Amino acid sequence: MVKTLTKHGNSYALIIDRAILELLKITPETPLEVSTDGKMLTIAPVADPKRRARFDAALAKTNRRYGRALKKLAE
């Protein structure tokens, strides 16, 4: 999909189609992270810190419970 920027006051805006916003569950209140590697622009919803904390806790529990077995499998 090719897009062009639209003049918005003294800035430019990128219009994102509703279908894409709905697919990514982005609303006008959703905080977005904008980053670049110098060649490409990336726009993504900010990760939910509560979800990340639950993931980290589950990973730690899994490593405590199965860490040795997983290490042996990796060898």
N, C-alpha and C. Protein backbone atom coordinates (compact mmCIF):
# COMPACT_ATOMS: atom_id res chain seq x y z
N MET A 1 0.84 -1.16 0.00
CA MET A 1 0.00 0.00 0.00
C MET A 1 0.90 1.24 0.00
N VAL A 2 0.67 2.14 -0.91
CA VAL A 2 1.44 3.37 -1.01
C VAL A 2 0.59 4.51 -0.46
N LYS A 3 1.17 5.32 0.40
CA LYS A 3 0.48 6.46 1.01
C LYS A 3 1.30 7.72 0.76
N THR A 4 0.63 8.86 0.81
CA THR A 4 1.32 10.15 0.76
C THR A 4 0.93 10.94 2.00
N LEU A 5 1.76 11.90 2.35
CA LEU A 5 1.49 12.74 3.51
C LEU A 5 0.49 13.83 3.15
N THR A 6 -0.28 14.26 4.14
CA THR A 6 -1.28 15.31 3.98
C THR A 6 -0.89 16.49 4.85
N LYS A 7 -1.00 17.70 4.32
CA LYS A 7 -0.67 18.90 5.09
C LYS A 7 -1.67 19.04 6.23
N HIS A 8 -1.15 19.27 7.46
CA HIS A 8 -1.99 19.42 8.65
C HIS A 8 -1.39 20.55 9.49
N GLY A 9 -1.87 21.78 9.27
CA GLY A 9 -1.27 22.93 9.95
C GLY A 9 0.13 23.15 9.44
N ASN A 10 1.10 23.24 10.36
CA ASN A 10 2.50 23.41 9.99
C ASN A 10 3.22 22.07 9.86
N SER A 11 2.48 20.97 9.97
CA SER A 11 3.06 19.64 9.92
C SER A 11 2.44 18.83 8.79
N TYR A 12 2.80 17.58 8.73
CA TYR A 12 2.22 16.65 7.77
C TYR A 12 1.67 15.46 8.53
N ALA A 13 0.62 14.86 8.01
CA ALA A 13 -0.02 13.72 8.66
C ALA A 13 -0.08 12.55 7.70
N LEU A 14 -0.06 11.37 8.27
CA LEU A 14 -0.22 10.15 7.51
C LEU A 14 -1.59 9.58 7.86
N ILE A 15 -2.46 9.43 6.89
CA ILE A 15 -3.80 8.91 7.12
C ILE A 15 -3.73 7.39 7.06
N ILE A 16 -4.19 6.74 8.12
CA ILE A 16 -4.18 5.28 8.20
C ILE A 16 -5.61 4.79 8.01
N ASP A 17 -5.81 3.88 7.08
CA ASP A 17 -7.13 3.35 6.78
C ASP A 17 -7.77 2.70 8.00
N ARG A 18 -9.09 2.83 8.11
CA ARG A 18 -9.84 2.29 9.23
C ARG A 18 -9.63 0.78 9.37
N ALA A 19 -9.58 0.06 8.28
CA ALA A 19 -9.40 -1.40 8.34
C ALA A 19 -8.09 -1.77 9.05
N ILE A 20 -7.04 -1.04 8.78
CA ILE A 20 -5.75 -1.30 9.43
C ILE A 20 -5.84 -0.97 10.91
N LEU A 21 -6.47 0.16 11.23
CA LEU A 21 -6.63 0.55 12.64
C LEU A 21 -7.42 -0.50 13.40
N GLU A 22 -8.48 -1.00 12.81
CA GLU A 22 -9.30 -2.03 13.46
C GLU A 22 -8.52 -3.34 13.61
N LEU A 23 -7.75 -3.72 12.60
CA LEU A 23 -6.95 -4.93 12.67
C LEU A 23 -5.95 -4.86 13.83
N LEU A 24 -5.34 -3.70 14.02
CA LEU A 24 -4.34 -3.52 15.08
C LEU A 24 -4.95 -3.06 16.40
N LYS A 25 -6.29 -2.91 16.43
CA LYS A 25 -7.00 -2.45 17.62
C LYS A 25 -6.47 -1.10 18.10
N ILE A 26 -6.26 -0.19 17.16
CA ILE A 26 -5.80 1.15 17.47
C ILE A 26 -6.99 2.10 17.47
N THR A 27 -7.14 2.85 18.55
CA THR A 27 -8.18 3.86 18.66
C THR A 27 -7.49 5.22 18.76
N PRO A 28 -8.25 6.32 18.72
CA PRO A 28 -7.62 7.63 18.88
C PRO A 28 -6.89 7.80 20.22
N GLU A 29 -7.25 6.99 21.22
CA GLU A 29 -6.61 7.08 22.54
C GLU A 29 -5.38 6.18 22.68
N THR A 30 -5.13 5.32 21.70
CA THR A 30 -4.01 4.38 21.77
C THR A 30 -2.69 5.12 21.62
N PRO A 31 -1.79 4.98 22.62
CA PRO A 31 -0.46 5.58 22.46
C PRO A 31 0.33 4.81 21.40
N LEU A 32 1.01 5.54 20.53
CA LEU A 32 1.79 4.93 19.47
C LEU A 32 3.27 5.26 19.64
N GLU A 33 4.10 4.28 19.35
CA GLU A 33 5.55 4.48 19.39
C GLU A 33 6.02 4.67 17.95
N VAL A 34 6.72 5.76 17.71
CA VAL A 34 7.26 6.05 16.39
C VAL A 34 8.78 5.93 16.48
N SER A 35 9.36 5.09 15.62
CA SER A 35 10.81 4.92 15.65
C SER A 35 11.33 4.82 14.22
N THR A 36 12.64 4.96 14.09
CA THR A 36 13.27 4.87 12.78
C THR A 36 14.66 4.28 12.92
N ASP A 37 15.11 3.65 11.86
CA ASP A 37 16.49 3.17 11.81
C ASP A 37 17.31 4.04 10.87
N GLY A 38 16.75 5.17 10.46
CA GLY A 38 17.41 6.08 9.55
C GLY A 38 16.97 5.88 8.10
N LYS A 39 16.33 4.75 7.82
CA LYS A 39 15.86 4.47 6.46
C LYS A 39 14.38 4.12 6.43
N MET A 40 13.86 3.64 7.57
CA MET A 40 12.49 3.17 7.61
C MET A 40 11.80 3.73 8.85
N LEU A 41 10.55 4.09 8.70
CA LEU A 41 9.73 4.60 9.79
C LEU A 41 8.84 3.48 10.29
N THR A 42 8.80 3.26 11.61
CA THR A 42 7.96 2.23 12.19
C THR A 42 7.00 2.88 13.18
N ILE A 43 5.72 2.56 13.04
CA ILE A 43 4.69 3.06 13.95
C ILE A 43 3.99 1.84 14.53
N ALA A 44 3.96 1.74 15.86
CA ALA A 44 3.36 0.57 16.51
C ALA A 44 2.68 0.99 17.80
N PRO A 45 1.62 0.28 18.18
CA PRO A 45 1.01 0.56 19.48
C PRO A 45 2.03 0.30 20.58
N VAL A 46 2.01 1.13 21.61
CA VAL A 46 2.92 0.95 22.74
C VAL A 46 2.55 -0.35 23.44
N ALA A 47 3.55 -1.14 23.78
CA ALA A 47 3.31 -2.42 24.45
C ALA A 47 2.72 -2.18 25.83
N ASP A 48 1.75 -3.02 26.19
CA ASP A 48 1.10 -2.94 27.50
C ASP A 48 2.07 -3.47 28.56
N PRO A 49 2.48 -2.63 29.52
CA PRO A 49 3.45 -3.09 30.52
C PRO A 49 2.90 -4.22 31.41
N LYS A 50 1.59 -4.26 31.65
CA LYS A 50 1.01 -5.33 32.45
C LYS A 50 1.13 -6.66 31.73
N ARG A 51 0.89 -6.63 30.40
CA ARG A 51 1.01 -7.86 29.62
C ARG A 51 2.45 -8.36 29.63
N ARG A 52 3.40 -7.43 29.50
CA ARG A 52 4.82 -7.81 29.51
C ARG A 52 5.20 -8.40 30.86
N ALA A 53 4.68 -7.83 31.94
CA ALA A 53 4.98 -8.35 33.28
C ALA A 53 4.43 -9.77 33.45
N ARG A 54 3.23 -10.03 32.94
CA ARG A 54 2.66 -11.38 33.01
C ARG A 54 3.50 -12.37 32.20
N PHE A 55 3.95 -11.92 31.03
CA PHE A 55 4.80 -12.79 30.20
C PHE A 55 6.11 -13.10 30.91
N ASP A 56 6.76 -12.07 31.49
CA ASP A 56 8.03 -12.28 32.19
C ASP A 56 7.85 -13.22 33.37
N ALA A 57 6.74 -13.09 34.11
CA ALA A 57 6.47 -13.97 35.25
C ALA A 57 6.28 -15.41 34.78
N ALA A 58 5.53 -15.60 33.69
CA ALA A 58 5.32 -16.95 33.16
C ALA A 58 6.63 -17.55 32.67
N LEU A 59 7.46 -16.74 32.03
CA LEU A 59 8.76 -17.24 31.55
C LEU A 59 9.64 -17.65 32.71
N ALA A 60 9.68 -16.84 33.77
CA ALA A 60 10.49 -17.17 34.94
C ALA A 60 10.01 -18.46 35.58
N LYS A 61 8.69 -18.63 35.69
CA LYS A 61 8.13 -19.85 36.28
C LYS A 61 8.49 -21.07 35.45
N THR A 62 8.39 -20.93 34.13
CA THR A 62 8.74 -22.03 33.23
C THR A 62 10.22 -22.39 33.35
N ASN A 63 11.07 -21.37 33.43
CA ASN A 63 12.51 -21.63 33.56
C ASN A 63 12.83 -22.29 34.88
N ARG A 64 12.16 -21.89 35.97
CA ARG A 64 12.40 -22.53 37.27
C ARG A 64 11.97 -24.00 37.23
N ARG A 65 10.84 -24.24 36.59
CA ARG A 65 10.27 -25.59 36.60
C ARG A 65 10.95 -26.53 35.60
N TYR A 66 11.25 -26.03 34.42
CA TYR A 66 11.75 -26.89 33.34
C TYR A 66 13.13 -26.48 32.82
N GLY A 67 13.80 -25.57 33.48
CA GLY A 67 15.07 -25.05 33.00
C GLY A 67 16.11 -26.11 32.72
N ARG A 68 16.28 -27.04 33.65
CA ARG A 68 17.29 -28.08 33.47
C ARG A 68 16.98 -28.97 32.26
N ALA A 69 15.73 -29.36 32.15
CA ALA A 69 15.33 -30.22 31.03
C ALA A 69 15.51 -29.49 29.71
N LEU A 70 15.13 -28.24 29.66
CA LEU A 70 15.28 -27.47 28.43
C LEU A 70 16.75 -27.30 28.06
N LYS A 71 17.58 -27.11 29.08
CA LYS A 71 19.02 -26.98 28.80
C LYS A 71 19.59 -28.27 28.24
N LYS A 72 19.17 -29.40 28.78
CA LYS A 72 19.64 -30.69 28.27
C LYS A 72 19.17 -30.92 26.84
N LEU A 73 17.93 -30.54 26.56
CA LEU A 73 17.42 -30.67 25.19
C LEU A 73 18.20 -29.80 24.22
N ALA A 74 18.65 -28.65 24.67
CA ALA A 74 19.38 -27.73 23.80
C ALA A 74 20.78 -28.28 23.47
N GLU A 75 21.31 -29.08 24.34
CA GLU A 75 22.65 -29.64 24.11
C GLU A 75 22.53 -30.75 23.14
